[in-house]
């Protein structure tokens, strides 16, 4: 049987993939396990179960929710918070994107100073730090940019719908254990997307952002296919 390649329509809008590829053995967050992928039914075994010329590949994947580019729901931090199955798709799909460029000279902590004069109400606020260039390397886990507590408070007051970053964590992993950005944002029902990539290909304004996880009960964080429509 001839297999035809999948191609986008010639009149399609431009879509920028903002997700890291999930692959066996690739660690997203230092100290957490890498995903494992195994075959449940191989193509070689298909002839024994199906008609000649019919074959399938059925596979299993074992991963922690914090793998690749993933979304945190309120349940991630709060036992009574909304889990993945409870999220309103309108807060995940087609959000107006506000891309915030974070200069290297500004330091690791992202403060409200970078958020002035931006309309953030109902928006997906995406921090472009460039840290994604280290993804999959030891450098990725040390000294990463993060959102300060004051920055998180500003976003809550501004009414952001979602906050994303192309870095290791929205909080400072190198701190003594406090996670103010997670606590403040998720308590306000603001979703968090971590480990984005390719934000340099998205304009500061004018794009639409989508990041929707599977509908899983009693689960707080899971990989998403995040993308921007331009």
C-alpha atoms as a PDB file:
ATOM      1  CA  UNK A   1       0.000   0.000   0.000  1.00  0.00           C
ATOM      2  CA  UNK A   2       1.338   3.429  -0.937  1.00  0.00           C
ATOM      3  CA  UNK A   3       1.708   5.793   2.019  1.00  0.00           C
ATOM      4  CA  UNK A   4       1.260   9.484   1.273  1.00  0.00           C
ATOM      5  CA  UNK A   5       3.121  12.045   3.408  1.00  0.00           C
ATOM      6  CA  UNK A   6       1.105  14.421   5.549  1.00  0.00           C
ATOM      7  CA  UNK A   7       1.323  18.001   4.289  1.00  0.00           C
ATOM      8  CA  UNK A   8      -0.271  21.195   5.528  1.00  0.00           C
ATOM      9  CA  UNK A   9      -2.825  22.952   3.290  1.00  0.00           C
ATOM     10  CA  UNK A  10      -1.240  25.668   1.181  1.00  0.00           C
ATOM     11  CA  UNK A  11      -3.513  28.293   2.718  1.00  0.00           C
ATOM     12  CA  UNK A  12      -2.955  27.229   6.325  1.00  0.00           C
ATOM     13  CA  UNK A  13      -1.957  29.657   9.068  1.00  0.00           C
ATOM     14  CA  UNK A  14       1.553  29.407  10.473  1.00  0.00           C
ATOM     15  CA  UNK A  15       1.822  27.187  13.543  1.00  0.00           C
ATOM     16  CA  UNK A  16       4.916  27.236  15.776  1.00  0.00           C
ATOM     17  CA  UNK A  17       5.584  24.113  17.817  1.00  0.00           C
ATOM     18  CA  UNK A  18       6.570  25.128  21.353  1.00  0.00           C
ATOM     19  CA  UNK A  19       7.011  21.620  22.796  1.00  0.00           C
ATOM     20  CA  UNK A  20      10.100  19.546  23.464  1.00  0.00           C
ATOM     21  CA  UNK A  21      10.125  16.031  22.007  1.00  0.00           C
ATOM     22  CA  UNK A  22       9.546  13.264  24.550  1.00  0.00           C
ATOM     23  CA  UNK A  23      11.959  10.402  23.958  1.00  0.00           C
ATOM     24  CA  UNK A  24      13.005   7.359  25.914  1.00  0.00           C
ATOM     25  CA  UNK A  25      15.804   8.145  28.330  1.00  0.00           C
ATOM     26  CA  UNK A  26      15.611  11.943  27.983  1.00  0.00           C
ATOM     27  CA  UNK A  27      15.438  13.584  31.420  1.00  0.00           C
ATOM     28  CA  UNK A  28      13.370  16.754  31.701  1.00  0.00           C
ATOM     29  CA  UNK A  29      13.899  17.673  35.340  1.00  0.00           C
ATOM     30  CA  UNK A  30      17.048  16.607  37.220  1.00  0.00           C
ATOM     31  CA  UNK A  31      16.245  13.976  39.831  1.00  0.00           C
ATOM     32  CA  UNK A  32      13.033  12.797  38.137  1.00  0.00           C
ATOM     33  CA  UNK A  33      12.902   9.627  36.027  1.00  0.00           C
ATOM     34  CA  UNK A  34      13.159   9.608  32.260  1.00  0.00           C
ATOM     35  CA  UNK A  35      10.332   8.020  30.233  1.00  0.00           C
ATOM     36  CA  UNK A  36      10.517   4.403  29.118  1.00  0.00           C
ATOM     37  CA  UNK A  37       8.806   3.081  25.978  1.00  0.00           C
ATOM     38  CA  UNK A  38       8.060  -0.603  25.361  1.00  0.00           C
ATOM     39  CA  UNK A  39       6.229  -2.593  22.706  1.00  0.00           C
ATOM     40  CA  UNK A  40       2.970  -4.291  23.677  1.00  0.00           C
ATOM     41  CA  UNK A  41       2.268  -5.595  20.178  1.00  0.00           C
ATOM     42  CA  UNK A  42       4.985  -5.316  17.549  1.00  0.00           C
ATOM     43  CA  UNK A  43       4.528  -5.178  13.787  1.00  0.00           C
ATOM     44  CA  UNK A  44       6.420  -8.446  13.567  1.00  0.00           C
ATOM     45  CA  UNK A  45       3.799 -10.121  15.780  1.00  0.00           C
ATOM     46  CA  UNK A  46       0.809  -8.647  13.931  1.00  0.00           C
ATOM     47  CA  UNK A  47       0.463 -11.454  11.309  1.00  0.00           C
ATOM     48  CA  UNK A  48      -0.375 -13.924  14.075  1.00  0.00           C
ATOM     49  CA  UNK A  49      -3.384 -11.839  15.156  1.00  0.00           C
ATOM     50  CA  UNK A  50      -4.630 -10.085  12.022  1.00  0.00           C
ATOM     51  CA  UNK A  51      -5.260 -10.754   8.351  1.00  0.00           C
ATOM     52  CA  UNK A  52      -2.310 -10.787   5.932  1.00  0.00           C
ATOM     53  CA  UNK A  53      -1.137  -7.289   5.114  1.00  0.00           C
ATOM     54  CA  UNK A  54      -2.638  -5.840   8.301  1.00  0.00           C
ATOM     55  CA  UNK A  55      -0.238  -4.832  11.033  1.00  0.00           C
ATOM     56  CA  UNK A  56      -0.165  -2.534  14.017  1.00  0.00           C
ATOM     57  CA  UNK A  57       2.266  -1.215  16.578  1.00  0.00           C
ATOM     58  CA  UNK A  58       0.824  -0.985  20.099  1.00  0.00           C
ATOM     59  CA  UNK A  59       3.184   0.533  22.616  1.00  0.00           C
ATOM     60  CA  UNK A  60       3.273   1.505  26.276  1.00  0.00           C
ATOM     61  CA  UNK A  61       4.969   4.509  27.820  1.00  0.00           C
ATOM     62  CA  UNK A  62       5.833   5.006  31.465  1.00  0.00           C
ATOM     63  CA  UNK A  63       6.505   8.586  32.509  1.00  0.00           C
ATOM     64  CA  UNK A  64       6.133  11.016  35.356  1.00  0.00           C
ATOM     65  CA  UNK A  65       3.734  13.880  34.695  1.00  0.00           C
ATOM     66  CA  UNK A  66       6.649  16.326  34.757  1.00  0.00           C
ATOM     67  CA  UNK A  67       8.047  15.178  31.419  1.00  0.00           C
ATOM     68  CA  UNK A  68       8.789  17.255  28.340  1.00  0.00           C
ATOM     69  CA  UNK A  69       6.698  20.400  28.020  1.00  0.00           C
ATOM     70  CA  UNK A  70       3.929  20.063  30.608  1.00  0.00           C
ATOM     71  CA  UNK A  71       1.066  21.903  32.257  1.00  0.00           C
ATOM     72  CA  UNK A  72       0.471  22.287  35.995  1.00  0.00           C
ATOM     73  CA  UNK A  73      -3.132  22.433  37.172  1.00  0.00           C
ATOM     74  CA  UNK A  74      -4.192  23.642  40.654  1.00  0.00           C
ATOM     75  CA  UNK A  75      -4.363  20.007  41.851  1.00  0.00           C
ATOM     76  CA  UNK A  76      -0.573  19.886  41.446  1.00  0.00           C
ATOM     77  CA  UNK A  77      -0.240  22.031  44.597  1.00  0.00           C
ATOM     78  CA  UNK A  78      -3.650  21.844  46.272  1.00  0.00           C
ATOM     79  CA  UNK A  79      -5.600  18.700  47.219  1.00  0.00           C
ATOM     80  CA  UNK A  80      -8.897  20.488  46.578  1.00  0.00           C
ATOM     81  CA  UNK A  81      -7.717  22.252  43.417  1.00  0.00           C
ATOM     82  CA  UNK A  82      -8.968  21.501  39.929  1.00  0.00           C
ATOM     83  CA  UNK A  83      -7.374  18.406  38.407  1.00  0.00           C
ATOM     84  CA  UNK A  84      -6.611  17.866  34.717  1.00  0.00           C
ATOM     85  CA  UNK A  85     -10.084  16.491  34.077  1.00  0.00           C
ATOM     86  CA  UNK A  86     -11.695  19.612  35.562  1.00  0.00           C
ATOM     87  CA  UNK A  87      -9.965  22.225  33.427  1.00  0.00           C
ATOM     88  CA  UNK A  88     -12.053  24.453  31.169  1.00  0.00           C
ATOM     89  CA  UNK A  89     -10.806  24.163  27.586  1.00  0.00           C
ATOM     90  CA  UNK A  90     -11.492  27.854  27.080  1.00  0.00           C
ATOM     91  CA  UNK A  91      -8.587  28.531  29.467  1.00  0.00           C
ATOM     92  CA  UNK A  92      -6.246  26.317  27.449  1.00  0.00           C
ATOM     93  CA  UNK A  93      -7.066  26.802  23.763  1.00  0.00           C
ATOM     94  CA  UNK A  94      -6.551  29.819  21.533  1.00  0.00           C
ATOM     95  CA  UNK A  95      -5.429  32.208  24.265  1.00  0.00           C
ATOM     96  CA  UNK A  96      -4.100  35.599  23.287  1.00  0.00           C
ATOM     97  CA  UNK A  97      -0.331  35.317  23.711  1.00  0.00           C
ATOM     98  CA  UNK A  98       1.832  37.980  25.309  1.00  0.00           C
ATOM     99  CA  UNK A  99       5.483  36.983  24.849  1.00  0.00           C
ATOM    100  CA  UNK A 100       7.794  38.672  27.349  1.00  0.00           C
ATOM    101  CA  UNK A 101      11.454  38.855  26.354  1.00  0.00           C
ATOM    102  CA  UNK A 102      13.717  38.398  29.383  1.00  0.00           C
ATOM    103  CA  UNK A 103      17.144  40.030  28.793  1.00  0.00           C
ATOM    104  CA  UNK A 104      20.153  38.140  30.150  1.00  0.00           C
ATOM    105  CA  UNK A 105      21.364  41.295  31.857  1.00  0.00           C
ATOM    106  CA  UNK A 106      18.151  41.489  33.913  1.00  0.00           C
ATOM    107  CA  UNK A 107      19.318  38.594  36.102  1.00  0.00           C
ATOM    108  CA  UNK A 108      17.713  35.253  36.893  1.00  0.00           C
ATOM    109  CA  UNK A 109      14.615  36.557  38.668  1.00  0.00           C
ATOM    110  CA  UNK A 110      11.767  37.882  36.504  1.00  0.00           C
ATOM    111  CA  UNK A 111      10.217  40.910  38.220  1.00  0.00           C
ATOM    112  CA  UNK A 112       7.154  43.112  37.535  1.00  0.00           C
ATOM    113  CA  UNK A 113       9.441  45.597  35.793  1.00  0.00           C
ATOM    114  CA  UNK A 114       9.284  43.445  32.640  1.00  0.00           C
ATOM    115  CA  UNK A 115       5.490  43.368  32.717  1.00  0.00           C
ATOM    116  CA  UNK A 116       4.696  47.056  32.680  1.00  0.00           C
ATOM    117  CA  UNK A 117       2.468  48.516  29.948  1.00  0.00           C
ATOM    118  CA  UNK A 118       1.281  45.079  28.780  1.00  0.00           C
ATOM    119  CA  UNK A 119      -2.368  44.012  28.643  1.00  0.00           C
ATOM    120  CA  UNK A 120      -2.180  40.656  30.448  1.00  0.00           C
ATOM    121  CA  UNK A 121      -5.838  40.107  31.367  1.00  0.00           C
ATOM    122  CA  UNK A 122      -7.027  36.752  30.016  1.00  0.00           C
ATOM    123  CA  UNK A 123      -3.717  36.211  28.217  1.00  0.00           C
ATOM    124  CA  UNK A 124      -1.163  33.443  28.071  1.00  0.00           C
ATOM    125  CA  UNK A 125       1.922  35.213  29.390  1.00  0.00           C
ATOM    126  CA  UNK A 126       4.972  33.434  27.956  1.00  0.00           C
ATOM    127  CA  UNK A 127       8.471  34.201  29.212  1.00  0.00           C
ATOM    128  CA  UNK A 128      11.136  33.909  26.529  1.00  0.00           C
ATOM    129  CA  UNK A 129      14.467  33.471  28.342  1.00  0.00           C
ATOM    130  CA  UNK A 130      16.340  31.333  25.808  1.00  0.00           C
ATOM    131  CA  UNK A 131      17.136  28.764  28.499  1.00  0.00           C
ATOM    132  CA  UNK A 132      15.594  26.018  26.346  1.00  0.00           C
ATOM    133  CA  UNK A 133      18.886  25.830  24.450  1.00  0.00           C
ATOM    134  CA  UNK A 134      20.251  23.792  27.375  1.00  0.00           C
ATOM    135  CA  UNK A 135      17.379  21.274  27.485  1.00  0.00           C
ATOM    136  CA  UNK A 136      18.635  17.717  27.872  1.00  0.00           C
ATOM    137  CA  UNK A 137      22.048  18.815  29.178  1.00  0.00           C
ATOM    138  CA  UNK A 138      23.407  19.149  32.744  1.00  0.00           C
ATOM    139  CA  UNK A 139      23.496  22.945  32.309  1.00  0.00           C
ATOM    140  CA  UNK A 140      19.700  23.040  32.065  1.00  0.00           C
ATOM    141  CA  UNK A 141      19.280  22.213  35.748  1.00  0.00           C
ATOM    142  CA  UNK A 142      21.504  24.885  37.274  1.00  0.00           C
ATOM    143  CA  UNK A 143      21.030  28.661  37.472  1.00  0.00           C
ATOM    144  CA  UNK A 144      17.826  28.771  35.426  1.00  0.00           C
ATOM    145  CA  UNK A 145      15.676  31.922  35.104  1.00  0.00           C
ATOM    146  CA  UNK A 146      12.483  31.996  37.194  1.00  0.00           C
ATOM    147  CA  UNK A 147       9.502  34.168  38.113  1.00  0.00           C
ATOM    148  CA  UNK A 148       9.857  36.067  41.374  1.00  0.00           C
ATOM    149  CA  UNK A 149       7.137  36.204  44.014  1.00  0.00           C
ATOM    150  CA  UNK A 150       6.454  39.847  43.150  1.00  0.00           C
ATOM    151  CA  UNK A 151       6.232  38.905  39.488  1.00  0.00           C
ATOM    152  CA  UNK A 152       3.687  36.187  40.269  1.00  0.00           C
ATOM    153  CA  UNK A 153       1.609  38.606  42.370  1.00  0.00           C
ATOM    154  CA  UNK A 154       1.600  41.068  39.488  1.00  0.00           C
ATOM    155  CA  UNK A 155       0.295  38.392  37.106  1.00  0.00           C
ATOM    156  CA  UNK A 156      -2.465  37.400  39.517  1.00  0.00           C
ATOM    157  CA  UNK A 157      -3.549  41.016  39.918  1.00  0.00           C
ATOM    158  CA  UNK A 158      -3.374  41.545  36.146  1.00  0.00           C
ATOM    159  CA  UNK A 159      -5.721  38.602  35.544  1.00  0.00           C
ATOM    160  CA  UNK A 160      -3.482  36.385  33.401  1.00  0.00           C
ATOM    161  CA  UNK A 161      -5.083  33.105  32.306  1.00  0.00           C
ATOM    162  CA  UNK A 162      -1.891  31.068  31.909  1.00  0.00           C
ATOM    163  CA  UNK A 163       1.822  31.579  32.508  1.00  0.00           C
ATOM    164  CA  UNK A 164       4.520  29.746  30.586  1.00  0.00           C
ATOM    165  CA  UNK A 165       8.307  29.728  30.580  1.00  0.00           C
ATOM    166  CA  UNK A 166      11.031  28.127  28.447  1.00  0.00           C
ATOM    167  CA  UNK A 167      13.070  27.361  31.558  1.00  0.00           C
ATOM    168  CA  UNK A 168      13.468  24.599  34.129  1.00  0.00           C
ATOM    169  CA  UNK A 169      10.821  25.868  36.536  1.00  0.00           C
ATOM    170  CA  UNK A 170       8.547  28.850  37.072  1.00  0.00           C
ATOM    171  CA  UNK A 171      10.082  28.995  40.576  1.00  0.00           C
ATOM    172  CA  UNK A 172      13.714  29.101  41.678  1.00  0.00           C
ATOM    173  CA  UNK A 173      14.844  25.470  41.902  1.00  0.00           C
ATOM    174  CA  UNK A 174      18.044  26.607  43.613  1.00  0.00           C
ATOM    175  CA  UNK A 175      16.156  28.186  46.528  1.00  0.00           C
ATOM    176  CA  UNK A 176      15.621  26.603  49.955  1.00  0.00           C
ATOM    177  CA  UNK A 177      12.396  24.960  48.853  1.00  0.00           C
ATOM    178  CA  UNK A 178       9.824  27.752  48.682  1.00  0.00           C
ATOM    179  CA  UNK A 179       7.649  27.781  45.565  1.00  0.00           C
ATOM    180  CA  UNK A 180       5.810  31.129  45.689  1.00  0.00           C
ATOM    181  CA  UNK A 181       5.070  31.375  41.971  1.00  0.00           C
ATOM    182  CA  UNK A 182       3.417  27.933  41.882  1.00  0.00           C
ATOM    183  CA  UNK A 183       1.483  28.665  45.051  1.00  0.00           C
ATOM    184  CA  UNK A 184       0.204  32.094  44.011  1.00  0.00           C
ATOM    185  CA  UNK A 185      -0.594  31.300  40.375  1.00  0.00           C
ATOM    186  CA  UNK A 186      -2.290  27.938  40.924  1.00  0.00           C
ATOM    187  CA  UNK A 187      -4.268  29.243  43.907  1.00  0.00           C
ATOM    188  CA  UNK A 188      -5.660  31.892  41.554  1.00  0.00           C
ATOM    189  CA  UNK A 189      -6.557  29.248  38.933  1.00  0.00           C
ATOM    190  CA  UNK A 190      -3.788  30.366  36.580  1.00  0.00           C
ATOM    191  CA  UNK A 191      -2.305  27.404  34.712  1.00  0.00           C
ATOM    192  CA  UNK A 192       1.466  26.987  34.437  1.00  0.00           C
ATOM    193  CA  UNK A 193       3.319  25.573  31.435  1.00  0.00           C
ATOM    194  CA  UNK A 194       7.013  24.809  31.940  1.00  0.00           C
ATOM    195  CA  UNK A 195       9.815  23.751  29.550  1.00  0.00           C
ATOM    196  CA  UNK A 196       8.522  25.588  26.503  1.00  0.00           C
ATOM    197  CA  UNK A 197      10.800  25.995  23.493  1.00  0.00           C
ATOM    198  CA  UNK A 198      11.011  28.032  20.261  1.00  0.00           C
ATOM    199  CA  UNK A 199       9.471  31.156  21.808  1.00  0.00           C
ATOM    200  CA  UNK A 200      11.907  33.208  19.768  1.00  0.00           C
ATOM    201  CA  UNK A 201       9.773  32.358  16.722  1.00  0.00           C
ATOM    202  CA  UNK A 202       6.625  33.876  18.233  1.00  0.00           C
ATOM    203  CA  UNK A 203       5.932  37.622  18.048  1.00  0.00           C
ATOM    204  CA  UNK A 204       5.513  39.556  21.280  1.00  0.00           C
ATOM    205  CA  UNK A 205       1.843  40.090  20.450  1.00  0.00           C
ATOM    206  CA  UNK A 206      -0.705  38.819  17.943  1.00  0.00           C
ATOM    207  CA  UNK A 207      -0.354  35.030  18.305  1.00  0.00           C
ATOM    208  CA  UNK A 208      -2.775  32.532  19.863  1.00  0.00           C
ATOM    209  CA  UNK A 209      -1.460  29.942  22.326  1.00  0.00           C
ATOM    210  CA  UNK A 210      -2.777  26.434  23.021  1.00  0.00           C
ATOM    211  CA  UNK A 211      -1.620  23.822  25.544  1.00  0.00           C
ATOM    212  CA  UNK A 212      -4.180  21.163  26.453  1.00  0.00           C
ATOM    213  CA  UNK A 213      -3.366  18.044  28.525  1.00  0.00           C
ATOM    214  CA  UNK A 214      -5.322  14.750  28.569  1.00  0.00           C
ATOM    215  CA  UNK A 215      -8.504  14.676  30.681  1.00  0.00           C
ATOM    216  CA  UNK A 216      -7.233  12.702  33.707  1.00  0.00           C
ATOM    217  CA  UNK A 217      -8.911  12.619  37.111  1.00  0.00           C
ATOM    218  CA  UNK A 218      -6.871  13.089  40.301  1.00  0.00           C
ATOM    219  CA  UNK A 219      -3.799  14.114  38.341  1.00  0.00           C
ATOM    220  CA  UNK A 220      -2.154  17.506  38.521  1.00  0.00           C
ATOM    221  CA  UNK A 221       0.447  17.795  35.765  1.00  0.00           C
ATOM    222  CA  UNK A 222       0.997  16.185  32.368  1.00  0.00           C
ATOM    223  CA  UNK A 223       2.771  16.758  29.033  1.00  0.00           C
ATOM    224  CA  UNK A 224       1.050  18.965  26.452  1.00  0.00           C
ATOM    225  CA  UNK A 225       1.551  19.743  22.789  1.00  0.00           C
ATOM    226  CA  UNK A 226       1.975  23.476  23.149  1.00  0.00           C
ATOM    227  CA  UNK A 227       1.858  25.644  20.042  1.00  0.00           C
ATOM    228  CA  UNK A 228       1.270  29.164  18.819  1.00  0.00           C
ATOM    229  CA  UNK A 229      -0.909  30.117  15.849  1.00  0.00           C
ATOM    230  CA  UNK A 230       0.278  33.177  13.953  1.00  0.00           C
END
